[in-house]
Amino acid sequence: MFFNFTSCQSDAIKFLQDIFLVEDEALEDGWYRVNKVIDGDTFWVQDSLGSEMKIRLIGVDAPETRNVFHKKKHPYGEVSKEYLTDLILGSAVRVQFDVDSLDRYGRTLAYVYTADGEFINEHMVRNGYATIMTVQPNVKYADLFLESQKYARDNSLGIWGEEYLVEE
């Protein structure tokens, strides 16, 4: 019996693309489909072949949705997660790396952009769904994030709204 590997491989790729509604053009070179949001700064992506990667947004820190290690659950955690979910779940995103590409938990550290050019890291801070967290050596946009946080704080957006301020 003759087995056509090339045909099966092509069929498998087509099947995966159909499942995830992936267009070849949308997921070339650095583009991924967001398939699960963990919280306001961490999510899973998948490439056109089905390889998964856990992404942690560089330079930002969203409120926790649960108690994790030394960090406590914050009332705004679920709001931040829902906002990021509405913003990117199911969408194609482009990832950009800085000096360090992995954190100590094995998550891929990245700056993330939507197809229409929205800079997700900055967007989350500017709208008050995350705060800045600068960790050397990944500081490429530290000044932009600081400016964005000042804007959110000055305008009482998101976590900076009075009803969500929590004393540590």
N, C-alpha and C. Protein backbone atom coordinates (compact mmCIF):
# COMPACT_ATOMS: atom_id res chain seq x y z
N MET A 1 0.84 -1.18 0.00
CA MET A 1 0.00 0.00 0.00
C MET A 1 0.89 1.25 0.00
N PHE A 2 0.53 2.22 -0.80
CA PHE A 2 1.31 3.45 -0.93
C PHE A 2 0.69 4.53 -0.05
N PHE A 3 1.52 5.18 0.74
CA PHE A 3 1.05 6.24 1.65
C PHE A 3 1.63 7.56 1.19
N ASN A 4 0.78 8.51 0.89
CA ASN A 4 1.22 9.82 0.41
C ASN A 4 1.34 10.77 1.60
N PHE A 5 2.56 10.85 2.17
CA PHE A 5 2.80 11.68 3.35
C PHE A 5 2.54 13.16 3.08
N THR A 6 2.99 13.64 1.92
CA THR A 6 2.83 15.06 1.59
C THR A 6 1.35 15.44 1.54
N SER A 7 0.55 14.58 0.98
CA SER A 7 -0.88 14.84 0.90
C SER A 7 -1.51 14.86 2.30
N CYS A 8 -1.12 13.91 3.15
CA CYS A 8 -1.65 13.86 4.52
C CYS A 8 -1.21 15.09 5.32
N GLN A 9 0.04 15.48 5.15
CA GLN A 9 0.55 16.65 5.86
C GLN A 9 -0.22 17.90 5.43
N SER A 10 -0.44 18.04 4.15
CA SER A 10 -1.20 19.17 3.62
C SER A 10 -2.63 19.16 4.14
N ASP A 11 -3.24 17.98 4.17
CA ASP A 11 -4.60 17.84 4.68
C ASP A 11 -4.66 18.20 6.17
N ALA A 12 -3.64 17.79 6.93
CA ALA A 12 -3.61 18.09 8.37
C ALA A 12 -3.50 19.60 8.60
N ILE A 13 -2.66 20.26 7.82
CA ILE A 13 -2.52 21.71 7.96
C ILE A 13 -3.83 22.39 7.61
N LYS A 14 -4.47 21.96 6.53
CA LYS A 14 -5.75 22.54 6.13
C LYS A 14 -6.79 22.32 7.23
N PHE A 15 -6.81 21.14 7.82
CA PHE A 15 -7.75 20.81 8.89
C PHE A 15 -7.56 21.76 10.08
N LEU A 16 -6.29 21.94 10.50
CA LEU A 16 -6.01 22.84 11.62
C LEU A 16 -6.42 24.27 11.30
N GLN A 17 -6.17 24.70 10.08
CA GLN A 17 -6.56 26.05 9.68
C GLN A 17 -8.08 26.21 9.72
N ASP A 18 -8.80 25.19 9.28
CA ASP A 18 -10.27 25.25 9.30
C ASP A 18 -10.80 25.29 10.73
N ILE A 19 -10.20 24.51 11.61
CA ILE A 19 -10.64 24.47 13.01
C ILE A 19 -10.49 25.84 13.67
N PHE A 20 -9.35 26.47 13.45
CA PHE A 20 -9.06 27.72 14.13
C PHE A 20 -9.37 28.95 13.28
N LEU A 21 -10.04 28.72 12.15
CA LEU A 21 -10.42 29.81 11.25
C LEU A 21 -9.22 30.69 10.94
N VAL A 22 -8.11 30.03 10.65
CA VAL A 22 -6.86 30.73 10.40
C VAL A 22 -6.68 30.94 8.91
N GLU A 23 -6.38 32.16 8.52
CA GLU A 23 -6.01 32.45 7.15
C GLU A 23 -4.50 32.43 7.07
N ASP A 24 -3.95 31.82 6.02
CA ASP A 24 -2.50 31.73 5.88
C ASP A 24 -1.83 33.09 6.04
N GLU A 25 -2.37 34.13 5.40
CA GLU A 25 -1.76 35.45 5.44
C GLU A 25 -1.76 36.02 6.86
N ALA A 26 -2.78 35.74 7.65
CA ALA A 26 -2.92 36.35 8.97
C ALA A 26 -1.90 35.83 9.98
N LEU A 27 -1.38 34.63 9.79
CA LEU A 27 -0.50 34.06 10.80
C LEU A 27 0.90 33.77 10.28
N GLU A 28 1.38 34.58 9.38
CA GLU A 28 2.75 34.43 8.92
C GLU A 28 3.70 35.17 9.84
N ASP A 29 4.88 34.62 10.02
CA ASP A 29 6.01 35.27 10.65
C ASP A 29 5.67 36.19 11.83
N GLY A 30 5.48 35.61 13.00
CA GLY A 30 5.26 36.40 14.20
C GLY A 30 3.81 36.65 14.56
N TRP A 31 2.87 36.11 13.79
CA TRP A 31 1.44 36.29 14.07
C TRP A 31 0.89 35.00 14.69
N TYR A 32 0.04 35.18 15.70
CA TYR A 32 -0.54 34.05 16.41
C TYR A 32 -2.01 34.32 16.68
N ARG A 33 -2.77 33.24 16.90
CA ARG A 33 -4.18 33.36 17.26
C ARG A 33 -4.29 33.20 18.77
N VAL A 34 -4.96 34.13 19.45
CA VAL A 34 -5.15 34.04 20.90
C VAL A 34 -6.27 33.04 21.17
N ASN A 35 -5.96 31.99 21.95
CA ASN A 35 -6.98 30.97 22.19
C ASN A 35 -7.40 30.83 23.65
N LYS A 36 -6.73 31.54 24.58
CA LYS A 36 -7.16 31.49 25.98
C LYS A 36 -6.52 32.66 26.73
N VAL A 37 -7.32 33.34 27.52
CA VAL A 37 -6.81 34.44 28.35
C VAL A 37 -6.79 33.95 29.80
N ILE A 38 -5.63 34.06 30.44
CA ILE A 38 -5.47 33.61 31.82
C ILE A 38 -5.86 34.73 32.79
N ASP A 39 -5.33 35.93 32.54
CA ASP A 39 -5.66 37.11 33.34
C ASP A 39 -5.35 38.33 32.50
N GLY A 40 -5.26 39.50 33.10
CA GLY A 40 -5.08 40.73 32.34
C GLY A 40 -3.70 40.96 31.76
N ASP A 41 -2.76 40.05 32.00
CA ASP A 41 -1.43 40.21 31.40
C ASP A 41 -0.84 38.91 30.86
N THR A 42 -1.61 37.83 30.87
CA THR A 42 -1.11 36.53 30.44
C THR A 42 -2.17 35.80 29.62
N PHE A 43 -1.74 35.19 28.52
CA PHE A 43 -2.67 34.46 27.67
C PHE A 43 -1.92 33.44 26.81
N TRP A 44 -2.66 32.54 26.20
CA TRP A 44 -2.10 31.52 25.31
C TRP A 44 -2.38 31.88 23.87
N VAL A 45 -1.39 31.63 23.00
CA VAL A 45 -1.56 31.81 21.56
C VAL A 45 -1.20 30.51 20.86
N GLN A 46 -1.63 30.45 19.59
CA GLN A 46 -1.37 29.27 18.78
C GLN A 46 -1.00 29.73 17.37
N ASP A 47 0.00 29.07 16.78
CA ASP A 47 0.35 29.41 15.40
C ASP A 47 -0.48 28.57 14.44
N SER A 48 -0.27 28.74 13.14
CA SER A 48 -1.10 28.06 12.15
C SER A 48 -0.91 26.55 12.14
N LEU A 49 0.16 26.05 12.76
CA LEU A 49 0.39 24.61 12.82
C LEU A 49 -0.07 24.01 14.14
N GLY A 50 -0.61 24.83 15.03
CA GLY A 50 -1.13 24.33 16.29
C GLY A 50 -0.16 24.42 17.46
N SER A 51 1.05 24.92 17.26
CA SER A 51 2.00 25.07 18.37
C SER A 51 1.51 26.17 19.29
N GLU A 52 1.54 25.89 20.60
CA GLU A 52 1.05 26.86 21.59
C GLU A 52 2.20 27.53 22.33
N MET A 53 1.93 28.74 22.80
CA MET A 53 2.91 29.50 23.54
C MET A 53 2.16 30.36 24.56
N LYS A 54 2.65 30.37 25.80
CA LYS A 54 2.07 31.19 26.85
C LYS A 54 2.77 32.54 26.85
N ILE A 55 2.01 33.61 26.66
CA ILE A 55 2.55 34.96 26.55
C ILE A 55 2.30 35.74 27.83
N ARG A 56 3.33 36.45 28.29
CA ARG A 56 3.22 37.38 29.41
C ARG A 56 3.59 38.75 28.87
N LEU A 57 2.66 39.71 28.97
CA LEU A 57 2.92 41.05 28.46
C LEU A 57 4.09 41.69 29.20
N ILE A 58 5.04 42.23 28.44
CA ILE A 58 6.21 42.90 29.04
C ILE A 58 5.80 44.27 29.56
N GLY A 59 6.32 44.62 30.73
CA GLY A 59 6.21 45.97 31.24
C GLY A 59 4.92 46.31 31.95
N VAL A 60 4.02 45.34 32.06
CA VAL A 60 2.74 45.61 32.71
C VAL A 60 2.43 44.54 33.73
N ASP A 61 1.58 44.90 34.68
CA ASP A 61 1.14 43.95 35.70
C ASP A 61 -0.34 44.18 35.94
N ALA A 62 -1.13 43.19 35.62
CA ALA A 62 -2.58 43.29 35.83
C ALA A 62 -2.93 42.74 37.21
N PRO A 63 -4.03 43.22 37.78
CA PRO A 63 -4.47 42.71 39.08
C PRO A 63 -4.73 41.20 39.00
N GLU A 64 -4.48 40.52 40.09
CA GLU A 64 -4.63 39.06 40.12
C GLU A 64 -6.10 38.64 40.20
N THR A 65 -6.42 37.54 39.53
CA THR A 65 -7.77 36.97 39.58
C THR A 65 -7.89 35.93 40.70
N ARG A 66 -6.72 35.57 41.28
CA ARG A 66 -6.70 34.60 42.39
C ARG A 66 -5.43 34.82 43.18
N ASN A 67 -5.35 34.25 44.37
CA ASN A 67 -4.13 34.35 45.17
C ASN A 67 -3.05 33.47 44.54
N VAL A 68 -1.93 34.10 44.20
CA VAL A 68 -0.83 33.38 43.56
C VAL A 68 0.47 33.78 44.25
N PHE A 69 1.14 32.79 44.84
CA PHE A 69 2.39 33.02 45.56
C PHE A 69 2.21 34.18 46.55
N HIS A 70 2.99 35.24 46.41
CA HIS A 70 2.93 36.36 47.35
C HIS A 70 1.91 37.43 46.92
N LYS A 71 1.26 37.24 45.78
CA LYS A 71 0.31 38.23 45.28
C LYS A 71 -1.11 37.81 45.63
N LYS A 72 -1.88 38.78 46.08
CA LYS A 72 -3.26 38.50 46.51
C LYS A 72 -4.26 38.86 45.42
N LYS A 73 -5.37 38.14 45.43
CA LYS A 73 -6.47 38.42 44.52
C LYS A 73 -6.93 39.87 44.72
N HIS A 74 -7.22 40.54 43.60
CA HIS A 74 -7.64 41.94 43.65
C HIS A 74 -9.05 42.05 43.07
N PRO A 75 -9.89 42.92 43.62
CA PRO A 75 -11.27 43.05 43.12
C PRO A 75 -11.34 43.39 41.63
N TYR A 76 -10.29 44.01 41.08
CA TYR A 76 -10.32 44.41 39.67
C TYR A 76 -9.73 43.34 38.75
N GLY A 77 -9.27 42.24 39.33
CA GLY A 77 -8.64 41.18 38.54
C GLY A 77 -9.54 40.61 37.46
N GLU A 78 -10.76 40.27 37.82
CA GLU A 78 -11.70 39.70 36.83
C GLU A 78 -12.08 40.72 35.77
N VAL A 79 -12.21 41.98 36.16
CA VAL A 79 -12.54 43.05 35.20
C VAL A 79 -11.43 43.17 34.17
N SER A 80 -10.19 43.18 34.64
CA SER A 80 -9.03 43.27 33.75
C SER A 80 -8.97 42.08 32.80
N LYS A 81 -9.20 40.90 33.33
CA LYS A 81 -9.19 39.68 32.51
C LYS A 81 -10.28 39.74 31.45
N GLU A 82 -11.48 40.13 31.83
CA GLU A 82 -12.59 40.22 30.88
C GLU A 82 -12.30 41.25 29.79
N TYR A 83 -11.68 42.36 30.16
CA TYR A 83 -11.35 43.40 29.19
C TYR A 83 -10.36 42.87 28.16
N LEU A 84 -9.29 42.22 28.63
CA LEU A 84 -8.30 41.65 27.70
C LEU A 84 -8.94 40.57 26.84
N THR A 85 -9.81 39.76 27.43
CA THR A 85 -10.50 38.72 26.68
C THR A 85 -11.31 39.33 25.53
N ASP A 86 -12.08 40.36 25.83
CA ASP A 86 -12.88 41.02 24.79
C ASP A 86 -11.99 41.66 23.73
N LEU A 87 -10.82 42.10 24.13
CA LEU A 87 -9.91 42.80 23.23
C LEU A 87 -9.20 41.86 22.26
N ILE A 88 -8.79 40.66 22.72
CA ILE A 88 -7.92 39.84 21.86
C ILE A 88 -8.33 38.38 21.66
N LEU A 89 -9.22 37.82 22.47
CA LEU A 89 -9.53 36.40 22.33
C LEU A 89 -10.05 36.08 20.92
N GLY A 90 -9.44 35.10 20.29
CA GLY A 90 -9.82 34.70 18.94
C GLY A 90 -9.18 35.53 17.84
N SER A 91 -8.47 36.56 18.22
CA SER A 91 -7.86 37.47 17.24
C SER A 91 -6.43 37.05 16.91
N ALA A 92 -5.97 37.53 15.75
CA ALA A 92 -4.57 37.36 15.38
C ALA A 92 -3.78 38.50 16.02
N VAL A 93 -2.66 38.16 16.63
CA VAL A 93 -1.79 39.16 17.24
C VAL A 93 -0.36 38.92 16.78
N ARG A 94 0.41 40.00 16.77
CA ARG A 94 1.84 39.93 16.44
C ARG A 94 2.60 40.12 17.74
N VAL A 95 3.62 39.30 17.94
CA VAL A 95 4.44 39.41 19.15
C VAL A 95 5.82 39.95 18.79
N GLN A 96 6.34 40.76 19.70
CA GLN A 96 7.67 41.35 19.53
C GLN A 96 8.41 41.14 20.84
N PHE A 97 9.65 40.73 20.73
CA PHE A 97 10.44 40.43 21.92
C PHE A 97 11.38 41.57 22.26
N ASP A 98 11.86 41.55 23.50
CA ASP A 98 12.87 42.52 23.94
C ASP A 98 14.14 41.71 24.22
N VAL A 99 14.95 42.12 25.16
CA VAL A 99 16.22 41.45 25.44
C VAL A 99 16.00 40.03 25.97
N ASP A 100 15.24 39.89 27.05
CA ASP A 100 14.90 38.57 27.59
C ASP A 100 13.57 38.12 27.02
N SER A 101 13.50 36.89 26.53
CA SER A 101 12.26 36.41 25.93
C SER A 101 11.47 35.47 26.83
N LEU A 102 12.06 35.05 27.96
CA LEU A 102 11.34 34.16 28.89
C LEU A 102 11.47 34.69 30.31
N ASP A 103 10.40 34.51 31.11
CA ASP A 103 10.50 34.85 32.52
C ASP A 103 10.85 33.60 33.32
N ARG A 104 10.97 33.75 34.62
CA ARG A 104 11.39 32.62 35.45
C ARG A 104 10.37 31.49 35.51
N TYR A 105 9.14 31.74 35.05
CA TYR A 105 8.10 30.71 35.02
C TYR A 105 7.98 30.06 33.65
N GLY A 106 8.85 30.43 32.71
CA GLY A 106 8.84 29.84 31.38
C GLY A 106 7.86 30.48 30.41
N ARG A 107 7.24 31.58 30.82
CA ARG A 107 6.32 32.27 29.92
C ARG A 107 7.12 33.12 28.93
N THR A 108 6.61 33.24 27.72
CA THR A 108 7.25 34.07 26.71
C THR A 108 6.89 35.52 26.97
N LEU A 109 7.90 36.35 27.13
CA LEU A 109 7.71 37.78 27.38
C LEU A 109 7.62 38.50 26.05
N ALA A 110 6.57 39.30 25.87
CA ALA A 110 6.39 39.93 24.56
C ALA A 110 5.61 41.23 24.63
N TYR A 111 5.88 42.07 23.64
CA TYR A 111 5.02 43.21 23.33
C TYR A 111 4.06 42.67 22.29
N VAL A 112 2.79 43.02 22.40
CA VAL A 112 1.76 42.41 21.55
C VAL A 112 0.97 43.48 20.82
N TYR A 113 0.72 43.23 19.53
CA TYR A 113 -0.01 44.15 18.67
C TYR A 113 -1.15 43.42 17.96
N THR A 114 -2.28 44.09 17.81
CA THR A 114 -3.39 43.53 17.05
C THR A 114 -3.17 43.81 15.56
N ALA A 115 -3.99 43.22 14.72
CA ALA A 115 -3.87 43.40 13.28
C ALA A 115 -4.06 44.85 12.86
N ASP A 116 -4.83 45.61 13.64
CA ASP A 116 -5.03 47.02 13.29
C ASP A 116 -3.98 47.94 13.96
N GLY A 117 -2.94 47.34 14.56
CA GLY A 117 -1.83 48.11 15.10
C GLY A 117 -1.95 48.53 16.55
N GLU A 118 -3.00 48.12 17.23
CA GLU A 118 -3.17 48.47 18.65
C GLU A 118 -2.07 47.79 19.47
N PHE A 119 -1.35 48.57 20.27
CA PHE A 119 -0.28 48.08 21.14
C PHE A 119 -0.92 47.66 22.45
N ILE A 120 -1.13 46.37 22.63
CA ILE A 120 -1.91 45.84 23.75
C ILE A 120 -1.29 46.18 25.10
N ASN A 121 0.01 46.04 25.26
CA ASN A 121 0.67 46.34 26.53
C ASN A 121 0.32 47.76 26.97
N GLU A 122 0.53 48.72 26.07
CA GLU A 122 0.29 50.12 26.37
C GLU A 122 -1.21 50.38 26.58
N HIS A 123 -2.03 49.76 25.78
CA HIS A 123 -3.49 49.93 25.86
C HIS A 123 -4.02 49.52 27.24
N MET A 124 -3.53 48.41 27.77
CA MET A 124 -3.99 47.93 29.08
C MET A 124 -3.62 48.92 30.18
N VAL A 125 -2.44 49.53 30.09
CA VAL A 125 -2.01 50.49 31.10
C VAL A 125 -2.76 51.81 30.94
N ARG A 126 -2.84 52.32 29.72
CA ARG A 126 -3.48 53.62 29.46
C ARG A 126 -4.96 53.63 29.86
N ASN A 127 -5.61 52.48 29.78
CA ASN A 127 -7.03 52.40 30.12
C ASN A 127 -7.27 51.92 31.55
N GLY A 128 -6.19 51.74 32.31
CA GLY A 128 -6.32 51.41 33.73
C GLY A 128 -6.61 49.96 34.04
N TYR A 129 -6.35 49.05 33.09
CA TYR A 129 -6.58 47.63 33.35
C TYR A 129 -5.33 46.91 33.81
N ALA A 130 -4.20 47.64 33.83
CA ALA A 130 -2.93 47.11 34.31
C ALA A 130 -2.07 48.29 34.76
N THR A 131 -1.07 47.98 35.57
CA THR A 131 -0.11 49.00 36.00
C THR A 131 1.25 48.66 35.41
N ILE A 132 2.17 49.60 35.51
CA ILE A 132 3.50 49.33 34.96
C ILE A 132 4.29 48.41 35.88
N MET A 133 5.14 47.60 35.26
CA MET A 133 6.05 46.74 35.99
C MET A 133 7.32 46.62 35.14
N THR A 134 8.27 47.45 35.42
CA THR A 134 9.51 47.47 34.64
C THR A 134 10.50 46.50 35.24
N VAL A 135 10.95 45.55 34.42
CA VAL A 135 11.93 44.57 34.85
C VAL A 135 13.08 44.60 33.85
N GLN A 136 14.26 44.97 34.35
CA GLN A 136 15.46 44.98 33.50
C GLN A 136 15.70 43.58 32.95
N PRO A 137 16.17 43.40 31.76
CA PRO A 137 16.59 44.43 30.80
C PRO A 137 15.49 44.81 29.80
N ASN A 138 14.26 44.35 30.01
CA ASN A 138 13.18 44.62 29.05
C ASN A 138 12.53 45.98 29.33
N VAL A 139 13.17 47.03 28.85
CA VAL A 139 12.74 48.39 29.18
C VAL A 139 12.47 49.26 27.94
N LYS A 140 12.33 48.65 26.80
CA LYS A 140 12.19 49.38 25.54
C LYS A 140 11.10 50.45 25.58
N TYR A 141 9.96 50.14 26.20
CA TYR A 141 8.82 51.07 26.23
C TYR A 141 8.50 51.57 27.64
N ALA A 142 9.46 51.52 28.54
CA ALA A 142 9.23 51.90 29.93
C ALA A 142 8.70 53.34 30.06
N ASP A 143 9.26 54.26 29.31
CA ASP A 143 8.81 55.65 29.38
C ASP A 143 7.38 55.81 28.87
N LEU A 144 7.06 55.11 27.79
CA LEU A 144 5.70 55.15 27.24
C LEU A 144 4.70 54.59 28.26
N PHE A 145 5.05 53.49 28.91
CA PHE A 145 4.16 52.89 29.90
C PHE A 145 3.97 53.82 31.10
N LEU A 146 5.03 54.49 31.52
CA LEU A 146 4.94 55.43 32.64
C LEU A 146 3.98 56.57 32.28
N GLU A 147 4.11 57.09 31.07
CA GLU A 147 3.22 58.15 30.59
C GLU A 147 1.77 57.66 30.52
N SER A 148 1.58 56.44 30.07
CA SER A 148 0.24 55.85 29.97
C SER A 148 -0.40 55.66 31.34
N GLN A 149 0.41 55.21 32.31
CA GLN A 149 -0.11 55.02 33.66
C GLN A 149 -0.48 56.36 34.29
N LYS A 150 0.32 57.38 34.05
CA LYS A 150 0.01 58.71 34.57
C LYS A 150 -1.33 59.18 33.99
N TYR A 151 -1.55 58.94 32.71
CA TYR A 151 -2.82 59.31 32.07
C TYR A 151 -3.99 58.60 32.74
N ALA A 152 -3.87 57.29 32.93
CA ALA A 152 -4.95 56.50 33.55
C ALA A 152 -5.21 56.97 34.98
N ARG A 153 -4.15 57.21 35.71
CA ARG A 153 -4.28 57.64 37.10
C ARG A 153 -4.91 59.03 37.19
N ASP A 154 -4.43 59.95 36.36
CA ASP A 154 -4.96 61.33 36.35
C ASP A 154 -6.44 61.38 35.98
N ASN A 155 -6.87 60.40 35.20
CA ASN A 155 -8.26 60.36 34.74
C ASN A 155 -9.11 59.33 35.48
N SER A 156 -8.56 58.77 36.57
CA SER A 156 -9.27 57.79 37.41
C SER A 156 -9.86 56.64 36.59
N LEU A 157 -9.06 56.13 35.65
CA LEU A 157 -9.52 55.05 34.79
C LEU A 157 -9.22 53.68 35.41
N GLY A 158 -10.17 52.76 35.23
CA GLY A 158 -9.95 51.38 35.63
C GLY A 158 -9.56 51.23 37.08
N ILE A 159 -8.43 50.59 37.29
CA ILE A 159 -7.94 50.30 38.64
C ILE A 159 -7.71 51.57 39.45
N TRP A 160 -7.55 52.70 38.78
CA TRP A 160 -7.31 53.96 39.46
C TRP A 160 -8.60 54.63 39.90
N GLY A 161 -9.74 54.02 39.55
CA GLY A 161 -11.02 54.53 40.03
C GLY A 161 -11.13 54.30 41.52
N GLU A 162 -11.75 55.21 42.21
CA GLU A 162 -11.82 55.16 43.68
C GLU A 162 -12.38 53.84 44.22
N GLU A 163 -13.36 53.29 43.53
CA GLU A 163 -13.99 52.05 44.05
C GLU A 163 -13.07 50.84 44.01
N TYR A 164 -11.93 50.93 43.28
CA TYR A 164 -11.05 49.78 43.18
C TYR A 164 -9.72 49.94 43.90
N LEU A 165 -9.45 51.12 44.44
CA LEU A 165 -8.19 51.31 45.13
C LEU A 165 -8.15 50.44 46.38
N VAL A 166 -7.12 49.62 46.47
CA VAL A 166 -6.97 48.69 47.59
C VAL A 166 -5.64 48.98 48.24
N GLU A 167 -5.64 49.17 49.55
CA GLU A 167 -4.38 49.40 50.25
C GLU A 167 -3.66 48.07 50.44
N GLU A 168 -2.37 48.10 50.18
CA GLU A 168 -1.55 46.88 50.31
C GLU A 168 -1.23 46.60 51.75
